Amino acid sequence: MKRLWAPWRMEYILDTTKHGTCLFCDISKKGKGKAIDAADKKNLILHRGKHCFVMLNKYPYNSGHLMVVPYIHTSSFDGLSDAVLCDIIKTVRNSVDTLKKILSPDGFNMGLNFGKVAGAGMESHMHKHIVPRWTGDTDSMPIISETRVMPEHLKKTYSKLRRAFALMQQE
């Protein structure tokens, strides 16, 4: 078994043990319906909509990995009105359009994981993953050494996407 030294993962490991409440609910309460502020920037929130928000995944599968998260705390579609569901899908569409414009991916993986057995890391609060993909982006690293290569720093990706989401909101 090969090991990759990744000290940034400790922040993630320790962070999940500190939350007796829902991380997404804690993050969303700070500025619901308001302009992006310093706390949102720290939490990598790119856009706040009426029923959901978009954030950059702090521990991404690939550069530009976004999550669309409803404000309502639910582990599945239960309790989500048609208006919320529609807003989530429209926000996914706008997020994909923004990623296409800014990062020029060749395709996308999108997913919802309901329940720990399905791979949900945050199983108590549903969220939609949007992962941009590029031809040849995985190369042989994940196969040979079980390592993902991130071609751009998270803060740089956030800055690019934040500007684009801000322009999208003005339209």
Foldseek 3Di string as FASTA:
>chain_A
DDDDDDVVVVCVVVVVVPDPDAPLLVLCVPAAPHDDDPSCVVQQWQAHDNFWTKGADPDDPEQLKIKIFGNDWALDCPPPDPVNVVVSVVVVVVSVVLCCVQVVAPDWDKDWQADVVSPDPRRRTIIMIIGGHHVCQQPCCCVPPVDHDYPDDNSVSSVRSNVSSVVVVVD
